[in-house]
């Protein structure tokens, strides 16, 4: 009798272990594909920079363009694998029969995302500018998607600009400070490749320097102070109207350089003395 009960118990263990994760096979295949994609060798890209000693040559720029093209091709392959995984997980979520299965799949999706974030941190090291959020000014659009997934809101691309919106944060690019007319010769066959500005509206989005929505102006200064190299400040909008009444909302531009970046501008909007949104862009 004991042997029979032990045999039944063993059978139940096998059945339970086999049914513990009915999507295990699909998840294993996705994880394997993601690891292989993120292990692809990424070309080293050195962007020419003007210096006091030497000026980049035409050959330097041509090499940079060729290397950067190869770099984007590798990132395109990685993004394709990520999109496939996300789409497959969405399909599995439709097949999930209970909250436990849905939770398991969402946790797996977040696990894949963390692997992508680690990859982005590695390849973007030393390239980002200003206050960064894993991805920021200088990031490629592929890197933005690897970190934030499919755009939420009005993600769009056009000649002259590109915008990628997610919860509480928008990544933007433009040429010459705005979009040229569609027939502008400089825009023929043009395609945006890098983030030029970041706009933040979400309370849970924290910049590399620690700036957060809801801070006072003094708190913003304090958060940035440790990384200042230089700072200037001037109002973007007059805080008083024509009758001398103080306005509820005012804007200010803080010009600064982090200790390891080029000059940047922080465009801040305050209401009732609190930061409501801000943008970061090159000076």
C-alpha atoms as a PDB file:
ATOM      1  CA  UNK A   1       0.000   0.000   0.000  1.00  0.00           C
ATOM      2  CA  UNK A   2       2.801   2.363   0.933  1.00  0.00           C
ATOM      3  CA  UNK A   3       4.556   1.596  -2.348  1.00  0.00           C
ATOM      4  CA  UNK A   4       1.345   2.342  -4.275  1.00  0.00           C
ATOM      5  CA  UNK A   5       0.880   5.658  -2.471  1.00  0.00           C
ATOM      6  CA  UNK A   6       4.523   6.555  -3.096  1.00  0.00           C
ATOM      7  CA  UNK A   7       4.144   5.748  -6.797  1.00  0.00           C
ATOM      8  CA  UNK A   8       0.983   7.871  -7.034  1.00  0.00           C
ATOM      9  CA  UNK A   9       2.747  10.719  -5.238  1.00  0.00           C
ATOM     10  CA  UNK A  10       5.649  10.542  -7.689  1.00  0.00           C
ATOM     11  CA  UNK A  11       3.240  10.592 -10.631  1.00  0.00           C
ATOM     12  CA  UNK A  12       1.470  13.627  -9.205  1.00  0.00           C
ATOM     13  CA  UNK A  13       4.804  15.413  -8.776  1.00  0.00           C
ATOM     14  CA  UNK A  14       5.668  14.744 -12.416  1.00  0.00           C
ATOM     15  CA  UNK A  15       2.269  15.971 -13.580  1.00  0.00           C
ATOM     16  CA  UNK A  16       2.400  19.093 -11.397  1.00  0.00           C
ATOM     17  CA  UNK A  17       5.968  19.917 -12.442  1.00  0.00           C
ATOM     18  CA  UNK A  18       5.033  19.514 -16.086  1.00  0.00           C
ATOM     19  CA  UNK A  19       2.004  21.788 -15.685  1.00  0.00           C
ATOM     20  CA  UNK A  20       3.761  24.315 -13.471  1.00  0.00           C
ATOM     21  CA  UNK A  21       4.532  26.507 -16.440  1.00  0.00           C
ATOM     22  CA  UNK A  22       2.647  25.538 -19.541  1.00  0.00           C
ATOM     23  CA  UNK A  23       4.470  28.246 -21.535  1.00  0.00           C
ATOM     24  CA  UNK A  24       7.930  27.053 -20.477  1.00  0.00           C
ATOM     25  CA  UNK A  25       8.885  25.816 -23.954  1.00  0.00           C
ATOM     26  CA  UNK A  26       7.956  29.094 -25.645  1.00  0.00           C
ATOM     27  CA  UNK A  27       9.717  31.135 -22.977  1.00  0.00           C
ATOM     28  CA  UNK A  28      12.864  29.064 -23.253  1.00  0.00           C
ATOM     29  CA  UNK A  29      12.969  29.623 -27.021  1.00  0.00           C
ATOM     30  CA  UNK A  30      12.456  33.390 -26.620  1.00  0.00           C
ATOM     31  CA  UNK A  31      15.139  33.688 -23.947  1.00  0.00           C
ATOM     32  CA  UNK A  32      17.586  31.755 -26.117  1.00  0.00           C
ATOM     33  CA  UNK A  33      16.875  34.012 -29.123  1.00  0.00           C
ATOM     34  CA  UNK A  34      17.283  37.189 -27.041  1.00  0.00           C
ATOM     35  CA  UNK A  35      20.577  36.061 -25.524  1.00  0.00           C
ATOM     36  CA  UNK A  36      21.927  35.218 -28.985  1.00  0.00           C
ATOM     37  CA  UNK A  37      20.864  38.619 -30.349  1.00  0.00           C
ATOM     38  CA  UNK A  38      22.357  40.578 -27.450  1.00  0.00           C
ATOM     39  CA  UNK A  39      25.606  38.635 -27.814  1.00  0.00           C
ATOM     40  CA  UNK A  40      26.151  39.874 -31.386  1.00  0.00           C
ATOM     41  CA  UNK A  41      29.400  41.821 -31.605  1.00  0.00           C
ATOM     42  CA  UNK A  42      28.687  45.535 -31.819  1.00  0.00           C
ATOM     43  CA  UNK A  43      31.023  47.629 -34.019  1.00  0.00           C
ATOM     44  CA  UNK A  44      33.087  50.227 -32.185  1.00  0.00           C
ATOM     45  CA  UNK A  45      32.024  53.707 -33.301  1.00  0.00           C
ATOM     46  CA  UNK A  46      34.256  56.719 -32.631  1.00  0.00           C
ATOM     47  CA  UNK A  47      32.583  60.026 -33.399  1.00  0.00           C
ATOM     48  CA  UNK A  48      34.990  62.716 -34.645  1.00  0.00           C
ATOM     49  CA  UNK A  49      35.295  65.601 -32.202  1.00  0.00           C
ATOM     50  CA  UNK A  50      36.897  68.988 -32.714  1.00  0.00           C
ATOM     51  CA  UNK A  51      39.845  69.570 -30.404  1.00  0.00           C
ATOM     52  CA  UNK A  52      42.561  72.144 -29.855  1.00  0.00           C
ATOM     53  CA  UNK A  53      45.228  69.955 -31.418  1.00  0.00           C
ATOM     54  CA  UNK A  54      43.633  68.516 -34.531  1.00  0.00           C
ATOM     55  CA  UNK A  55      40.595  68.937 -36.718  1.00  0.00           C
ATOM     56  CA  UNK A  56      38.767  65.815 -37.990  1.00  0.00           C
ATOM     57  CA  UNK A  57      39.367  65.107 -41.655  1.00  0.00           C
ATOM     58  CA  UNK A  58      36.822  64.170 -44.293  1.00  0.00           C
ATOM     59  CA  UNK A  59      38.132  60.600 -44.074  1.00  0.00           C
ATOM     60  CA  UNK A  60      37.432  60.607 -40.315  1.00  0.00           C
ATOM     61  CA  UNK A  61      33.801  61.515 -40.936  1.00  0.00           C
ATOM     62  CA  UNK A  62      33.408  58.983 -43.741  1.00  0.00           C
ATOM     63  CA  UNK A  63      34.750  56.229 -41.490  1.00  0.00           C
ATOM     64  CA  UNK A  64      32.419  57.328 -38.706  1.00  0.00           C
ATOM     65  CA  UNK A  65      29.402  57.243 -41.032  1.00  0.00           C
ATOM     66  CA  UNK A  66      30.293  53.753 -42.291  1.00  0.00           C
ATOM     67  CA  UNK A  67      30.899  52.398 -38.768  1.00  0.00           C
ATOM     68  CA  UNK A  68      27.716  53.985 -37.446  1.00  0.00           C
ATOM     69  CA  UNK A  69      25.708  52.453 -40.295  1.00  0.00           C
ATOM     70  CA  UNK A  70      27.013  48.996 -39.337  1.00  0.00           C
ATOM     71  CA  UNK A  71      26.229  49.752 -35.700  1.00  0.00           C
ATOM     72  CA  UNK A  72      22.599  50.588 -36.524  1.00  0.00           C
ATOM     73  CA  UNK A  73      22.282  47.446 -38.643  1.00  0.00           C
ATOM     74  CA  UNK A  74      23.258  45.337 -35.612  1.00  0.00           C
ATOM     75  CA  UNK A  75      20.793  47.204 -33.393  1.00  0.00           C
ATOM     76  CA  UNK A  76      18.053  46.722 -36.027  1.00  0.00           C
ATOM     77  CA  UNK A  77      18.582  42.947 -35.791  1.00  0.00           C
ATOM     78  CA  UNK A  78      18.330  43.071 -32.003  1.00  0.00           C
ATOM     79  CA  UNK A  79      15.161  45.194 -32.130  1.00  0.00           C
ATOM     80  CA  UNK A  80      13.595  42.718 -34.579  1.00  0.00           C
ATOM     81  CA  UNK A  81      14.152  39.871 -32.092  1.00  0.00           C
ATOM     82  CA  UNK A  82      12.776  42.003 -29.233  1.00  0.00           C
ATOM     83  CA  UNK A  83       9.649  42.866 -31.215  1.00  0.00           C
ATOM     84  CA  UNK A  84       9.090  39.202 -32.016  1.00  0.00           C
ATOM     85  CA  UNK A  85       9.420  38.230 -28.341  1.00  0.00           C
ATOM     86  CA  UNK A  86       7.037  40.970 -27.209  1.00  0.00           C
ATOM     87  CA  UNK A  87       4.458  39.999 -29.829  1.00  0.00           C
ATOM     88  CA  UNK A  88       4.702  36.339 -28.821  1.00  0.00           C
ATOM     89  CA  UNK A  89       4.276  37.189 -25.131  1.00  0.00           C
ATOM     90  CA  UNK A  90       1.185  39.271 -25.985  1.00  0.00           C
ATOM     91  CA  UNK A  91      -0.278  36.235 -27.762  1.00  0.00           C
ATOM     92  CA  UNK A  92       0.500  33.991 -24.795  1.00  0.00           C
ATOM     93  CA  UNK A  93      -1.183  36.492 -22.461  1.00  0.00           C
ATOM     94  CA  UNK A  94      -4.385  36.032 -24.476  1.00  0.00           C
ATOM     95  CA  UNK A  95      -4.132  32.279 -23.879  1.00  0.00           C
ATOM     96  CA  UNK A  96      -3.443  32.636 -20.160  1.00  0.00           C
ATOM     97  CA  UNK A  97      -6.277  31.118 -18.127  1.00  0.00           C
ATOM     98  CA  UNK A  98      -5.726  32.860 -14.805  1.00  0.00           C
ATOM     99  CA  UNK A  99      -4.001  35.768 -13.063  1.00  0.00           C
ATOM    100  CA  UNK A 100      -1.110  33.570 -11.985  1.00  0.00           C
ATOM    101  CA  UNK A 101      -0.217  32.705 -15.588  1.00  0.00           C
ATOM    102  CA  UNK A 102      -0.543  36.347 -16.630  1.00  0.00           C
ATOM    103  CA  UNK A 103       1.709  37.449 -13.760  1.00  0.00           C
ATOM    104  CA  UNK A 104       4.281  34.841 -14.730  1.00  0.00           C
ATOM    105  CA  UNK A 105       4.337  36.018 -18.342  1.00  0.00           C
ATOM    106  CA  UNK A 106       4.600  39.693 -17.380  1.00  0.00           C
ATOM    107  CA  UNK A 107       7.485  38.903 -15.041  1.00  0.00           C
ATOM    108  CA  UNK A 108       9.202  37.059 -17.879  1.00  0.00           C
ATOM    109  CA  UNK A 109       8.651  40.049 -20.176  1.00  0.00           C
ATOM    110  CA  UNK A 110      10.284  42.303 -17.589  1.00  0.00           C
ATOM    111  CA  UNK A 111      13.191  39.845 -17.295  1.00  0.00           C
ATOM    112  CA  UNK A 112      13.817  40.129 -21.050  1.00  0.00           C
ATOM    113  CA  UNK A 113      13.588  43.916 -20.813  1.00  0.00           C
ATOM    114  CA  UNK A 114      16.254  44.008 -18.092  1.00  0.00           C
ATOM    115  CA  UNK A 115      18.598  42.079 -20.374  1.00  0.00           C
ATOM    116  CA  UNK A 116      17.999  44.650 -23.113  1.00  0.00           C
ATOM    117  CA  UNK A 117      18.625  47.507 -20.683  1.00  0.00           C
ATOM    118  CA  UNK A 118      21.957  45.991 -19.639  1.00  0.00           C
ATOM    119  CA  UNK A 119      22.920  45.819 -23.318  1.00  0.00           C
ATOM    120  CA  UNK A 120      21.948  49.465 -23.923  1.00  0.00           C
ATOM    121  CA  UNK A 121      23.886  50.634 -20.864  1.00  0.00           C
ATOM    122  CA  UNK A 122      26.971  48.884 -22.196  1.00  0.00           C
ATOM    123  CA  UNK A 123      26.865  50.170 -25.784  1.00  0.00           C
ATOM    124  CA  UNK A 124      25.851  53.747 -24.867  1.00  0.00           C
ATOM    125  CA  UNK A 125      28.456  54.274 -22.163  1.00  0.00           C
ATOM    126  CA  UNK A 126      30.237  57.574 -22.710  1.00  0.00           C
ATOM    127  CA  UNK A 127      27.876  58.586 -25.515  1.00  0.00           C
ATOM    128  CA  UNK A 128      24.880  60.094 -23.716  1.00  0.00           C
ATOM    129  CA  UNK A 129      24.642  63.819 -23.048  1.00  0.00           C
ATOM    130  CA  UNK A 130      23.070  65.779 -20.215  1.00  0.00           C
ATOM    131  CA  UNK A 131      20.631  64.272 -17.720  1.00  0.00           C
ATOM    132  CA  UNK A 132      20.159  60.690 -18.884  1.00  0.00           C
ATOM    133  CA  UNK A 133      17.501  58.036 -18.262  1.00  0.00           C
ATOM    134  CA  UNK A 134      19.335  54.884 -19.431  1.00  0.00           C
ATOM    135  CA  UNK A 135      18.606  56.365 -22.835  1.00  0.00           C
ATOM    136  CA  UNK A 136      18.758  60.104 -23.467  1.00  0.00           C
ATOM    137  CA  UNK A 137      20.263  62.784 -25.710  1.00  0.00           C
ATOM    138  CA  UNK A 138      22.576  60.908 -28.067  1.00  0.00           C
ATOM    139  CA  UNK A 139      20.767  57.553 -27.894  1.00  0.00           C
ATOM    140  CA  UNK A 140      19.699  55.782 -31.072  1.00  0.00           C
ATOM    141  CA  UNK A 141      15.995  55.165 -31.635  1.00  0.00           C
ATOM    142  CA  UNK A 142      16.681  51.428 -31.502  1.00  0.00           C
ATOM    143  CA  UNK A 143      17.995  51.836 -27.956  1.00  0.00           C
ATOM    144  CA  UNK A 144      14.918  53.831 -26.948  1.00  0.00           C
ATOM    145  CA  UNK A 145      12.673  51.009 -28.149  1.00  0.00           C
ATOM    146  CA  UNK A 146      14.736  48.327 -26.401  1.00  0.00           C
ATOM    147  CA  UNK A 147      14.273  50.149 -23.097  1.00  0.00           C
ATOM    148  CA  UNK A 148      10.694  51.458 -23.460  1.00  0.00           C
ATOM    149  CA  UNK A 149       9.124  49.037 -25.934  1.00  0.00           C
ATOM    150  CA  UNK A 150       6.384  50.091 -28.344  1.00  0.00           C
ATOM    151  CA  UNK A 151       5.672  53.857 -28.133  1.00  0.00           C
ATOM    152  CA  UNK A 152       2.673  54.895 -26.063  1.00  0.00           C
ATOM    153  CA  UNK A 153       0.799  57.972 -27.161  1.00  0.00           C
ATOM    154  CA  UNK A 154       1.758  59.762 -30.349  1.00  0.00           C
ATOM    155  CA  UNK A 155       4.924  58.026 -31.473  1.00  0.00           C
ATOM    156  CA  UNK A 156       5.583  59.403 -34.941  1.00  0.00           C
ATOM    157  CA  UNK A 157       8.299  60.004 -37.510  1.00  0.00           C
ATOM    158  CA  UNK A 158       8.435  62.503 -40.353  1.00  0.00           C
ATOM    159  CA  UNK A 159      10.987  64.402 -42.398  1.00  0.00           C
ATOM    160  CA  UNK A 160      12.570  66.888 -40.041  1.00  0.00           C
ATOM    161  CA  UNK A 161      11.563  65.371 -36.733  1.00  0.00           C
ATOM    162  CA  UNK A 162      10.833  62.217 -34.823  1.00  0.00           C
ATOM    163  CA  UNK A 163       8.976  61.751 -31.564  1.00  0.00           C
ATOM    164  CA  UNK A 164       8.719  58.698 -29.327  1.00  0.00           C
ATOM    165  CA  UNK A 165       6.289  58.920 -26.417  1.00  0.00           C
ATOM    166  CA  UNK A 166       6.039  56.605 -23.424  1.00  0.00           C
ATOM    167  CA  UNK A 167       4.586  56.997 -19.928  1.00  0.00           C
ATOM    168  CA  UNK A 168       5.794  60.322 -18.541  1.00  0.00           C
ATOM    169  CA  UNK A 169       8.651  60.818 -21.020  1.00  0.00           C
ATOM    170  CA  UNK A 170       9.038  61.828 -24.666  1.00  0.00           C
ATOM    171  CA  UNK A 171      12.169  61.509 -26.805  1.00  0.00           C
ATOM    172  CA  UNK A 172      12.481  63.966 -29.681  1.00  0.00           C
ATOM    173  CA  UNK A 173      14.722  64.754 -32.625  1.00  0.00           C
ATOM    174  CA  UNK A 174      14.753  67.604 -35.082  1.00  0.00           C
ATOM    175  CA  UNK A 175      17.008  69.348 -37.580  1.00  0.00           C
ATOM    176  CA  UNK A 176      17.871  73.010 -37.293  1.00  0.00           C
ATOM    177  CA  UNK A 177      15.583  73.466 -34.295  1.00  0.00           C
ATOM    178  CA  UNK A 178      12.468  72.398 -36.216  1.00  0.00           C
ATOM    179  CA  UNK A 179      11.057  70.619 -39.244  1.00  0.00           C
ATOM    180  CA  UNK A 180      12.067  71.930 -42.646  1.00  0.00           C
ATOM    181  CA  UNK A 181       9.460  72.100 -45.432  1.00  0.00           C
ATOM    182  CA  UNK A 182       8.883  68.674 -47.063  1.00  0.00           C
ATOM    183  CA  UNK A 183      10.624  69.768 -50.282  1.00  0.00           C
ATOM    184  CA  UNK A 184      13.731  71.091 -48.511  1.00  0.00           C
ATOM    185  CA  UNK A 185      16.762  69.584 -50.332  1.00  0.00           C
ATOM    186  CA  UNK A 186      18.586  68.785 -47.087  1.00  0.00           C
ATOM    187  CA  UNK A 187      15.747  66.470 -46.085  1.00  0.00           C
ATOM    188  CA  UNK A 188      15.707  64.276 -49.175  1.00  0.00           C
ATOM    189  CA  UNK A 189      16.071  60.647 -48.044  1.00  0.00           C
ATOM    190  CA  UNK A 190      16.808  61.902 -44.542  1.00  0.00           C
ATOM    191  CA  UNK A 191      16.060  59.659 -41.545  1.00  0.00           C
ATOM    192  CA  UNK A 192      16.420  60.485 -37.876  1.00  0.00           C
ATOM    193  CA  UNK A 193      19.009  58.337 -36.075  1.00  0.00           C
ATOM    194  CA  UNK A 194      19.521  59.908 -32.641  1.00  0.00           C
ATOM    195  CA  UNK A 195      17.591  61.511 -29.797  1.00  0.00           C
ATOM    196  CA  UNK A 196      18.114  65.277 -29.730  1.00  0.00           C
ATOM    197  CA  UNK A 197      15.916  66.210 -26.758  1.00  0.00           C
ATOM    198  CA  UNK A 198      14.058  64.597 -23.861  1.00  0.00           C
ATOM    199  CA  UNK A 199      10.820  65.962 -22.345  1.00  0.00           C
ATOM    200  CA  UNK A 200       9.655  64.726 -18.936  1.00  0.00           C
ATOM    201  CA  UNK A 201       6.152  65.004 -17.446  1.00  0.00           C
ATOM    202  CA  UNK A 202       5.928  61.865 -15.281  1.00  0.00           C
ATOM    203  CA  UNK A 203       6.415  62.021 -11.503  1.00  0.00           C
ATOM    204  CA  UNK A 204       8.091  58.607 -11.472  1.00  0.00           C
ATOM    205  CA  UNK A 205      10.711  59.503 -14.101  1.00  0.00           C
ATOM    206  CA  UNK A 206      13.990  60.452 -12.436  1.00  0.00           C
ATOM    207  CA  UNK A 207      16.964  61.831 -14.347  1.00  0.00           C
ATOM    208  CA  UNK A 208      20.567  60.783 -13.875  1.00  0.00           C
ATOM    209  CA  UNK A 209      21.183  63.934 -11.828  1.00  0.00           C
ATOM    210  CA  UNK A 210      18.113  63.318  -9.669  1.00  0.00           C
ATOM    211  CA  UNK A 211      15.691  65.916 -11.079  1.00  0.00           C
ATOM    212  CA  UNK A 212      12.070  64.945 -10.380  1.00  0.00           C
ATOM    213  CA  UNK A 213       8.675  66.487 -11.189  1.00  0.00           C
ATOM    214  CA  UNK A 214       7.303  68.251  -8.103  1.00  0.00           C
ATOM    215  CA  UNK A 215      10.627  69.744  -6.989  1.00  0.00           C
ATOM    216  CA  UNK A 216      11.009  73.454  -6.189  1.00  0.00           C
ATOM    217  CA  UNK A 217      13.523  75.492  -8.179  1.00  0.00           C
ATOM    218  CA  UNK A 218      15.950  75.359  -5.242  1.00  0.00           C
ATOM    219  CA  UNK A 219      15.636  71.567  -5.128  1.00  0.00           C
ATOM    220  CA  UNK A 220      16.330  71.338  -8.872  1.00  0.00           C
ATOM    221  CA  UNK A 221      19.473  73.429  -8.381  1.00  0.00           C
ATOM    222  CA  UNK A 222      20.548  71.281  -5.445  1.00  0.00           C
ATOM    223  CA  UNK A 223      20.053  68.065  -7.452  1.00  0.00           C
ATOM    224  CA  UNK A 224      22.211  69.368 -10.294  1.00  0.00           C
ATOM    225  CA  UNK A 225      24.772  71.251  -8.211  1.00  0.00           C
ATOM    226  CA  UNK A 226      27.101  68.300  -7.612  1.00  0.00           C
ATOM    227  CA  UNK A 227      27.527  67.854 -11.377  1.00  0.00           C
ATOM    228  CA  UNK A 228      27.727  71.498 -12.428  1.00  0.00           C
ATOM    229  CA  UNK A 229      30.787  72.686 -14.295  1.00  0.00           C
ATOM    230  CA  UNK A 230      29.152  75.974 -15.102  1.00  0.00           C
ATOM    231  CA  UNK A 231      25.632  77.338 -14.816  1.00  0.00           C
ATOM    232  CA  UNK A 232      23.605  80.243 -16.160  1.00  0.00           C
ATOM    233  CA  UNK A 233      19.926  80.962 -15.799  1.00  0.00           C
ATOM    234  CA  UNK A 234      17.357  83.270 -17.382  1.00  0.00           C
ATOM    235  CA  UNK A 235      13.550  83.379 -17.592  1.00  0.00           C
ATOM    236  CA  UNK A 236      11.928  81.876 -20.645  1.00  0.00           C
ATOM    237  CA  UNK A 237       8.653  83.624 -19.914  1.00  0.00           C
ATOM    238  CA  UNK A 238       7.879  86.736 -17.859  1.00  0.00           C
ATOM    239  CA  UNK A 239       6.310  85.620 -14.546  1.00  0.00           C
ATOM    240  CA  UNK A 240       4.239  88.864 -14.485  1.00  0.00           C
ATOM    241  CA  UNK A 241       1.446  89.941 -16.832  1.00  0.00           C
ATOM    242  CA  UNK A 242       0.871  93.446 -18.230  1.00  0.00           C
ATOM    243  CA  UNK A 243      -0.949  94.539 -15.053  1.00  0.00           C
ATOM    244  CA  UNK A 244       1.914  93.453 -12.826  1.00  0.00           C
ATOM    245  CA  UNK A 245       0.075  90.394 -11.536  1.00  0.00           C
ATOM    246  CA  UNK A 246       2.277  87.404 -10.835  1.00  0.00           C
ATOM    247  CA  UNK A 247       1.488  84.541 -13.190  1.00  0.00           C
ATOM    248  CA  UNK A 248       0.705  81.073 -11.835  1.00  0.00           C
ATOM    249  CA  UNK A 249       3.020  79.393 -14.329  1.00  0.00           C
ATOM    250  CA  UNK A 250       6.488  80.475 -15.399  1.00  0.00           C
ATOM    251  CA  UNK A 251       9.341  78.953 -17.354  1.00  0.00           C
ATOM    252  CA  UNK A 252      13.077  79.190 -16.889  1.00  0.00           C
ATOM    253  CA  UNK A 253      16.079  77.874 -18.812  1.00  0.00           C
ATOM    254  CA  UNK A 254      19.014  76.534 -16.813  1.00  0.00           C
ATOM    255  CA  UNK A 255      22.189  76.304 -18.867  1.00  0.00           C
ATOM    256  CA  UNK A 256      24.755  73.895 -17.475  1.00  0.00           C
ATOM    257  CA  UNK A 257      27.407  71.311 -18.217  1.00  0.00           C
ATOM    258  CA  UNK A 258      27.665  68.039 -16.384  1.00  0.00           C
ATOM    259  CA  UNK A 259      31.224  67.131 -15.455  1.00  0.00           C
ATOM    260  CA  UNK A 260      31.506  64.715 -18.374  1.00  0.00           C
ATOM    261  CA  UNK A 261      29.186  66.204 -20.994  1.00  0.00           C
ATOM    262  CA  UNK A 262      28.862  68.989 -23.509  1.00  0.00           C
ATOM    263  CA  UNK A 263      26.849  72.136 -22.560  1.00  0.00           C
ATOM    264  CA  UNK A 264      23.119  71.436 -22.116  1.00  0.00           C
ATOM    265  CA  UNK A 265      19.924  73.405 -21.480  1.00  0.00           C
ATOM    266  CA  UNK A 266      17.278  72.387 -18.965  1.00  0.00           C
ATOM    267  CA  UNK A 267      13.915  73.949 -19.914  1.00  0.00           C
ATOM    268  CA  UNK A 268      11.848  73.998 -16.706  1.00  0.00           C
ATOM    269  CA  UNK A 269       8.170  74.878 -16.186  1.00  0.00           C
ATOM    270  CA  UNK A 270       7.023  75.652 -12.639  1.00  0.00           C
ATOM    271  CA  UNK A 271       3.487  76.053 -11.327  1.00  0.00           C
ATOM    272  CA  UNK A 272       2.744  77.112  -7.752  1.00  0.00           C
ATOM    273  CA  UNK A 273       6.486  76.896  -7.170  1.00  0.00           C
ATOM    274  CA  UNK A 274       6.712  73.250  -8.231  1.00  0.00           C
ATOM    275  CA  UNK A 275       8.328  71.709 -11.321  1.00  0.00           C
ATOM    276  CA  UNK A 276       5.555  70.420 -13.623  1.00  0.00           C
ATOM    277  CA  UNK A 277       7.627  69.385 -16.655  1.00  0.00           C
ATOM    278  CA  UNK A 278      11.062  69.926 -18.170  1.00  0.00           C
ATOM    279  CA  UNK A 279      13.066  69.276 -21.317  1.00  0.00           C
ATOM    280  CA  UNK A 280      16.745  68.599 -21.886  1.00  0.00           C
ATOM    281  CA  UNK A 281      18.552  69.567 -25.093  1.00  0.00           C
ATOM    282  CA  UNK A 282      22.066  70.550 -26.238  1.00  0.00           C
ATOM    283  CA  UNK A 283      23.067  74.161 -25.593  1.00  0.00           C
END
